């Protein structure tokens, strides 16, 4: 199971485009690898959650980040 982010669909402009692009790479890895291992019966899935309320934005100096997001 790989974890991506809903911002892959929007690019997360003006805020975290670098983060969204790294999660886009995770989507490509998940898709490609899932096709490679499918014949061996190995399931590979990915999830793309929206926002998860953690302290990461607070510790990074942006405690209100989730309420101002444009996604």
PDB file of N, CA and C in Angstrom:
ATOM      1  N   UNK A   1       0.847  -1.167   0.000  1.00  0.00           N
ATOM      2  CA  UNK A   1       0.000   0.000   0.000  1.00  0.00           C
ATOM      3  C   UNK A   1       0.896   1.234   0.000  1.00  0.00           C
ATOM      4  N   UNK A   2       0.696   2.075  -0.978  1.00  0.00           N
ATOM      5  CA  UNK A   2       1.430   3.335  -1.050  1.00  0.00           C
ATOM      6  C   UNK A   2       0.480   4.490  -0.769  1.00  0.00           C
ATOM      7  N   UNK A   3       1.017   5.524  -0.150  1.00  0.00           N
ATOM      8  CA  UNK A   3       0.203   6.685   0.204  1.00  0.00           C
ATOM      9  C   UNK A   3       0.628   7.880  -0.644  1.00  0.00           C
ATOM     10  N   UNK A   4      -0.329   8.447  -1.338  1.00  0.00           N
ATOM     11  CA  UNK A   4      -0.103   9.635  -2.145  1.00  0.00           C
ATOM     12  C   UNK A   4      -0.855  10.798  -1.492  1.00  0.00           C
ATOM     13  N   UNK A   5      -1.341  11.746  -2.279  1.00  0.00           N
ATOM     14  CA  UNK A   5      -2.040  12.904  -1.721  1.00  0.00           C
ATOM     15  C   UNK A   5      -2.970  13.461  -2.787  1.00  0.00           C
ATOM     16  N   UNK A   6      -4.114  13.901  -2.406  1.00  0.00           N
ATOM     17  CA  UNK A   6      -5.116  14.422  -3.335  1.00  0.00           C
ATOM     18  C   UNK A   6      -4.580  15.598  -4.164  1.00  0.00           C
ATOM     19  N   UNK A   7      -3.572  16.289  -3.676  1.00  0.00           N
ATOM     20  CA  UNK A   7      -3.003  17.431  -4.398  1.00  0.00           C
ATOM     21  C   UNK A   7      -2.343  17.038  -5.706  1.00  0.00           C
ATOM     22  N   UNK A   8      -2.118  15.738  -5.921  1.00  0.00           N
ATOM     23  CA  UNK A   8      -1.563  15.284  -7.195  1.00  0.00           C
ATOM     24  C   UNK A   8      -2.478  15.712  -8.336  1.00  0.00           C
ATOM     25  N   UNK A   9      -3.763  15.767  -8.096  1.00  0.00           N
ATOM     26  CA  UNK A   9      -4.724  16.138  -9.135  1.00  0.00           C
ATOM     27  C   UNK A   9      -4.757  17.645  -9.409  1.00  0.00           C
ATOM     28  N   UNK A  10      -4.348  18.449  -8.436  1.00  0.00           N
ATOM     29  CA  UNK A  10      -4.414  19.903  -8.611  1.00  0.00           C
ATOM     30  C   UNK A  10      -3.043  20.556  -8.751  1.00  0.00           C
ATOM     31  N   UNK A  11      -1.994  19.872  -8.343  1.00  0.00           N
ATOM     32  CA  UNK A  11      -0.656  20.441  -8.376  1.00  0.00           C
ATOM     33  C   UNK A  11      -0.310  21.254  -7.143  1.00  0.00           C
ATOM     34  N   UNK A  12      -1.320  21.567  -6.337  1.00  0.00           N
ATOM     35  CA  UNK A  12      -1.146  22.346  -5.095  1.00  0.00           C
ATOM     36  C   UNK A  12      -0.359  23.627  -5.370  1.00  0.00           C
ATOM     37  N   UNK A  13      -0.817  24.464  -6.322  1.00  0.00           N
ATOM     38  CA  UNK A  13      -0.078  25.660  -6.711  1.00  0.00           C
ATOM     39  C   UNK A  13       0.081  26.672  -5.582  1.00  0.00           C
ATOM     40  N   UNK A  14       1.171  27.383  -5.628  1.00  0.00           N
ATOM     41  CA  UNK A  14       1.490  28.473  -4.691  1.00  0.00           C
ATOM     42  C   UNK A  14       1.743  28.016  -3.267  1.00  0.00           C
ATOM     43  N   UNK A  15       1.782  26.722  -3.023  1.00  0.00           N
ATOM     44  CA  UNK A  15       2.016  26.285  -1.655  1.00  0.00           C
ATOM     45  C   UNK A  15       3.003  25.125  -1.583  1.00  0.00           C
ATOM     46  N   UNK A  16       2.606  23.964  -2.046  1.00  0.00           N
ATOM     47  CA  UNK A  16       3.439  22.774  -1.894  1.00  0.00           C
ATOM     48  C   UNK A  16       3.555  22.007  -3.199  1.00  0.00           C
ATOM     49  N   UNK A  17       3.893  22.693  -4.275  1.00  0.00           N
ATOM     50  CA  UNK A  17       3.997  22.027  -5.567  1.00  0.00           C
ATOM     51  C   UNK A  17       5.098  20.960  -5.534  1.00  0.00           C
ATOM     52  N   UNK A  18       6.151  21.185  -4.768  1.00  0.00           N
ATOM     53  CA  UNK A  18       7.218  20.193  -4.657  1.00  0.00           C
ATOM     54  C   UNK A  18       6.710  18.919  -3.974  1.00  0.00           C
ATOM     55  N   UNK A  19       5.906  19.084  -2.947  1.00  0.00           N
ATOM     56  CA  UNK A  19       5.337  17.933  -2.240  1.00  0.00           C
ATOM     57  C   UNK A  19       4.363  17.178  -3.143  1.00  0.00           C
ATOM     58  N   UNK A  20       3.514  17.912  -3.844  1.00  0.00           N
ATOM     59  CA  UNK A  20       2.550  17.274  -4.746  1.00  0.00           C
ATOM     60  C   UNK A  20       3.263  16.508  -5.851  1.00  0.00           C
ATOM     61  N   UNK A  21       4.358  17.053  -6.363  1.00  0.00           N
ATOM     62  CA  UNK A  21       5.073  16.361  -7.437  1.00  0.00           C
ATOM     63  C   UNK A  21       5.734  15.090  -6.937  1.00  0.00           C
ATOM     64  N   UNK A  22       6.214  15.091  -5.699  1.00  0.00           N
ATOM     65  CA  UNK A  22       6.799  13.858  -5.163  1.00  0.00           C
ATOM     66  C   UNK A  22       5.730  12.794  -4.970  1.00  0.00           C
ATOM     67  N   UNK A  23       4.532  13.200  -4.611  1.00  0.00           N
ATOM     68  CA  UNK A  23       3.438  12.246  -4.471  1.00  0.00           C
ATOM     69  C   UNK A  23       2.960  11.766  -5.836  1.00  0.00           C
ATOM     70  N   UNK A  24       3.099  12.610  -6.867  1.00  0.00           N
ATOM     71  CA  UNK A  24       2.799  12.180  -8.229  1.00  0.00           C
ATOM     72  C   UNK A  24       3.740  11.060  -8.655  1.00  0.00           C
ATOM     73  N   UNK A  25       4.993  11.177  -8.258  1.00  0.00           N
ATOM     74  CA  UNK A  25       5.958  10.115  -8.542  1.00  0.00           C
ATOM     75  C   UNK A  25       5.539   8.819  -7.839  1.00  0.00           C
ATOM     76  N   UNK A  26       4.996   8.941  -6.642  1.00  0.00           N
ATOM     77  CA  UNK A  26       4.515   7.761  -5.919  1.00  0.00           C
ATOM     78  C   UNK A  26       3.360   7.103  -6.677  1.00  0.00           C
ATOM     79  N   UNK A  27       2.491   7.897  -7.270  1.00  0.00           N
ATOM     80  CA  UNK A  27       1.388   7.345  -8.066  1.00  0.00           C
ATOM     81  C   UNK A  27       1.914   6.548  -9.261  1.00  0.00           C
ATOM     82  N   UNK A  28       2.927   7.089  -9.942  1.00  0.00           N
ATOM     83  CA  UNK A  28       3.508   6.404 -11.098  1.00  0.00           C
ATOM     84  C   UNK A  28       4.178   5.104 -10.658  1.00  0.00           C
ATOM     85  N   UNK A  29       4.901   5.145  -9.557  1.00  0.00           N
ATOM     86  CA  UNK A  29       5.531   3.939  -9.025  1.00  0.00           C
ATOM     87  C   UNK A  29       4.480   2.882  -8.703  1.00  0.00           C
ATOM     88  N   UNK A  30       3.419   3.281  -8.046  1.00  0.00           N
ATOM     89  CA  UNK A  30       2.356   2.349  -7.678  1.00  0.00           C
ATOM     90  C   UNK A  30       1.731   1.720  -8.913  1.00  0.00           C
ATOM     91  N   UNK A  31       1.418   2.515  -9.902  1.00  0.00           N
ATOM     92  CA  UNK A  31       0.795   2.009 -11.116  1.00  0.00           C
ATOM     93  C   UNK A  31       1.721   1.045 -11.866  1.00  0.00           C
ATOM     94  N   UNK A  32       2.937   1.478 -12.098  1.00  0.00           N
ATOM     95  CA  UNK A  32       3.877   0.645 -12.845  1.00  0.00           C
ATOM     96  C   UNK A  32       4.229  -0.644 -12.131  1.00  0.00           C
ATOM     97  N   UNK A  33       4.538  -0.554 -10.847  1.00  0.00           N
ATOM     98  CA  UNK A  33       4.916  -1.748 -10.090  1.00  0.00           C
ATOM     99  C   UNK A  33       3.741  -2.704  -9.935  1.00  0.00           C
ATOM    100  N   UNK A  34       2.535  -2.172  -9.790  1.00  0.00           N
ATOM    101  CA  UNK A  34       1.371  -3.053  -9.663  1.00  0.00           C
ATOM    102  C   UNK A  34       1.186  -3.897 -10.918  1.00  0.00           C
ATOM    103  N   UNK A  35       1.489  -3.326 -12.072  1.00  0.00           N
ATOM    104  CA  UNK A  35       1.389  -4.086 -13.325  1.00  0.00           C
ATOM    105  C   UNK A  35       2.505  -5.119 -13.436  1.00  0.00           C
ATOM    106  N   UNK A  36       3.682  -4.802 -12.919  1.00  0.00           N
ATOM    107  CA  UNK A  36       4.801  -5.728 -12.972  1.00  0.00           C
ATOM    108  C   UNK A  36       4.578  -6.968 -12.102  1.00  0.00           C
ATOM    109  N   UNK A  37       3.962  -6.801 -10.958  1.00  0.00           N
ATOM    110  CA  UNK A  37       3.814  -7.917 -10.016  1.00  0.00           C
ATOM    111  C   UNK A  37       2.436  -8.570 -10.052  1.00  0.00           C
ATOM    112  N   UNK A  38       1.548  -8.097 -10.914  1.00  0.00           N
ATOM    113  CA  UNK A  38       0.175  -8.615 -10.970  1.00  0.00           C
ATOM    114  C   UNK A  38       0.132 -10.105 -11.291  1.00  0.00           C
ATOM    115  N   UNK A  39       0.942 -10.562 -12.233  1.00  0.00           N
ATOM    116  CA  UNK A  39       0.927 -11.970 -12.615  1.00  0.00           C
ATOM    117  C   UNK A  39       1.416 -12.888 -11.497  1.00  0.00           C
ATOM    118  N   UNK A  40       2.136 -12.335 -10.549  1.00  0.00           N
ATOM    119  CA  UNK A  40       2.610 -13.111  -9.404  1.00  0.00           C
ATOM    120  C   UNK A  40       1.588 -13.127  -8.271  1.00  0.00           C
ATOM    121  N   UNK A  41       0.459 -12.456  -8.496  1.00  0.00           N
ATOM    122  CA  UNK A  41      -0.604 -12.422  -7.491  1.00  0.00           C
ATOM    123  C   UNK A  41      -0.331 -11.478  -6.332  1.00  0.00           C
ATOM    124  N   UNK A  42       0.553 -10.530  -6.540  1.00  0.00           N
ATOM    125  CA  UNK A  42       0.877  -9.574  -5.483  1.00  0.00           C
ATOM    126  C   UNK A  42       0.045  -8.316  -5.707  1.00  0.00           C
ATOM    127  N   UNK A  43      -0.865  -8.020  -4.793  1.00  0.00           N
ATOM    128  CA  UNK A  43      -1.663  -6.801  -4.964  1.00  0.00           C
ATOM    129  C   UNK A  43      -0.884  -5.574  -4.476  1.00  0.00           C
ATOM    130  N   UNK A  44      -0.920  -4.546  -5.245  1.00  0.00           N
ATOM    131  CA  UNK A  44      -0.281  -3.292  -4.862  1.00  0.00           C
ATOM    132  C   UNK A  44      -1.284  -2.186  -5.105  1.00  0.00           C
ATOM    133  N   UNK A  45      -1.606  -1.469  -4.082  1.00  0.00           N
ATOM    134  CA  UNK A  45      -2.617  -0.408  -4.168  1.00  0.00           C
ATOM    135  C   UNK A  45      -2.052   0.894  -3.639  1.00  0.00           C
ATOM    136  N   UNK A  46      -2.725   1.955  -3.968  1.00  0.00           N
ATOM    137  CA  UNK A  46      -2.367   3.265  -3.455  1.00  0.00           C
ATOM    138  C   UNK A  46      -3.615   3.986  -2.976  1.00  0.00           C
ATOM    139  N   UNK A  47      -3.441   4.830  -2.002  1.00  0.00           N
ATOM    140  CA  UNK A  47      -4.534   5.670  -1.511  1.00  0.00           C
ATOM    141  C   UNK A  47      -4.112   7.118  -1.654  1.00  0.00           C
ATOM    142  N   UNK A  48      -5.093   7.983  -1.855  1.00  0.00           N
ATOM    143  CA  UNK A  48      -4.848   9.397  -2.032  1.00  0.00           C
ATOM    144  C   UNK A  48      -5.759  10.195  -1.103  1.00  0.00           C
ATOM    145  N   UNK A  49      -5.438  10.217   0.201  1.00  0.00           N
ATOM    146  CA  UNK A  49      -6.309  10.944   1.130  1.00  0.00           C
ATOM    147  C   UNK A  49      -6.228  12.455   0.914  1.00  0.00           C
ATOM    148  N   UNK A  50      -7.217  13.128   1.409  1.00  0.00           N
ATOM    149  CA  UNK A  50      -7.202  14.595   1.363  1.00  0.00           C
ATOM    150  C   UNK A  50      -6.345  15.079   2.521  1.00  0.00           C
ATOM    151  N   UNK A  51      -6.937  15.702   3.492  1.00  0.00           N
ATOM    152  CA  UNK A  51      -6.160  16.249   4.599  1.00  0.00           C
ATOM    153  C   UNK A  51      -6.236  15.357   5.823  1.00  0.00           C
ATOM    154  N   UNK A  52      -5.106  15.232   6.469  1.00  0.00           N
ATOM    155  CA  UNK A  52      -5.029  14.486   7.714  1.00  0.00           C
ATOM    156  C   UNK A  52      -4.545  15.478   8.762  1.00  0.00           C
ATOM    157  N   UNK A  53      -5.335  15.668   9.782  1.00  0.00           N
ATOM    158  CA  UNK A  53      -4.990  16.637  10.814  1.00  0.00           C
ATOM    159  C   UNK A  53      -3.916  16.075  11.735  1.00  0.00           C
ATOM    160  N   UNK A  54      -2.714  16.612  11.576  1.00  0.00           N
ATOM    161  CA  UNK A  54      -1.585  16.247  12.427  1.00  0.00           C
ATOM    162  C   UNK A  54      -0.916  17.541  12.882  1.00  0.00           C
ATOM    163  N   UNK A  55       0.153  17.422  13.608  1.00  0.00           N
ATOM    164  CA  UNK A  55       0.883  18.604  14.076  1.00  0.00           C
ATOM    165  C   UNK A  55       1.982  19.040  13.117  1.00  0.00           C
ATOM    166  N   UNK A  56       2.073  18.421  11.965  1.00  0.00           N
ATOM    167  CA  UNK A  56       3.176  18.734  11.056  1.00  0.00           C
ATOM    168  C   UNK A  56       3.161  20.185  10.596  1.00  0.00           C
ATOM    169  N   UNK A  57       1.995  20.757  10.336  1.00  0.00           N
ATOM    170  CA  UNK A  57       1.940  22.158   9.902  1.00  0.00           C
ATOM    171  C   UNK A  57       2.258  23.102  11.059  1.00  0.00           C
ATOM    172  N   UNK A  58       1.802  22.758  12.236  1.00  0.00           N
ATOM    173  CA  UNK A  58       2.102  23.580  13.406  1.00  0.00           C
ATOM    174  C   UNK A  58       3.598  23.607  13.667  1.00  0.00           C
ATOM    175  N   UNK A  59       4.228  22.438  13.616  1.00  0.00           N
ATOM    176  CA  UNK A  59       5.663  22.386  13.874  1.00  0.00           C
ATOM    177  C   UNK A  59       6.453  23.077  12.761  1.00  0.00           C
ATOM    178  N   UNK A  60       5.868  23.194  11.580  1.00  0.00           N
ATOM    179  CA  UNK A  60       6.517  23.892  10.476  1.00  0.00           C
ATOM    180  C   UNK A  60       6.213  25.379  10.454  1.00  0.00           C
ATOM    181  N   UNK A  61       5.476  25.874  11.453  1.00  0.00           N
ATOM    182  CA  UNK A  61       5.181  27.292  11.550  1.00  0.00           C
ATOM    183  C   UNK A  61       3.913  27.740  10.852  1.00  0.00           C
ATOM    184  N   UNK A  62       3.083  26.808  10.384  1.00  0.00           N
ATOM    185  CA  UNK A  62       1.837  27.158   9.705  1.00  0.00           C
ATOM    186  C   UNK A  62       0.649  26.429  10.336  1.00  0.00           C
ATOM    187  N   UNK A  63       0.283  26.773  11.555  1.00  0.00           N
ATOM    188  CA  UNK A  63      -0.787  26.039  12.235  1.00  0.00           C
ATOM    189  C   UNK A  63      -2.150  26.109  11.549  1.00  0.00           C
ATOM    190  N   UNK A  64      -2.436  27.137  10.769  1.00  0.00           N
ATOM    191  CA  UNK A  64      -3.728  27.272  10.098  1.00  0.00           C
ATOM    192  C   UNK A  64      -3.725  26.771   8.664  1.00  0.00           C
ATOM    193  N   UNK A  65      -2.713  26.051   8.252  1.00  0.00           N
ATOM    194  CA  UNK A  65      -2.554  25.629   6.866  1.00  0.00           C
ATOM    195  C   UNK A  65      -3.767  24.886   6.318  1.00  0.00           C
ATOM    196  N   UNK A  66      -4.309  23.962   7.052  1.00  0.00           N
ATOM    197  CA  UNK A  66      -5.401  23.151   6.531  1.00  0.00           C
ATOM    198  C   UNK A  66      -6.686  23.934   6.309  1.00  0.00           C
ATOM    199  N   UNK A  67      -6.881  24.994   7.039  1.00  0.00           N
ATOM    200  CA  UNK A  67      -8.091  25.782   6.866  1.00  0.00           C
ATOM    201  C   UNK A  67      -7.992  26.764   5.697  1.00  0.00           C
ATOM    202  N   UNK A  68      -6.769  27.072   5.243  1.00  0.00           N
ATOM    203  CA  UNK A  68      -6.617  28.012   4.138  1.00  0.00           C
ATOM    204  C   UNK A  68      -6.301  27.341   2.816  1.00  0.00           C
ATOM    205  N   UNK A  69      -6.205  26.043   2.788  1.00  0.00           N
ATOM    206  CA  UNK A  69      -5.819  25.331   1.585  1.00  0.00           C
ATOM    207  C   UNK A  69      -6.803  25.547   0.444  1.00  0.00           C
ATOM    208  N   UNK A  70      -6.287  25.506  -0.786  1.00  0.00           N
ATOM    209  CA  UNK A  70      -7.088  25.733  -1.984  1.00  0.00           C
ATOM    210  C   UNK A  70      -7.523  24.448  -2.650  1.00  0.00           C
ATOM    211  N   UNK A  71      -7.243  23.334  -2.086  1.00  0.00           N
ATOM    212  CA  UNK A  71      -7.575  22.063  -2.737  1.00  0.00           C
ATOM    213  C   UNK A  71      -9.048  21.777  -2.583  1.00  0.00           C
TER     214      UNK A  71
END
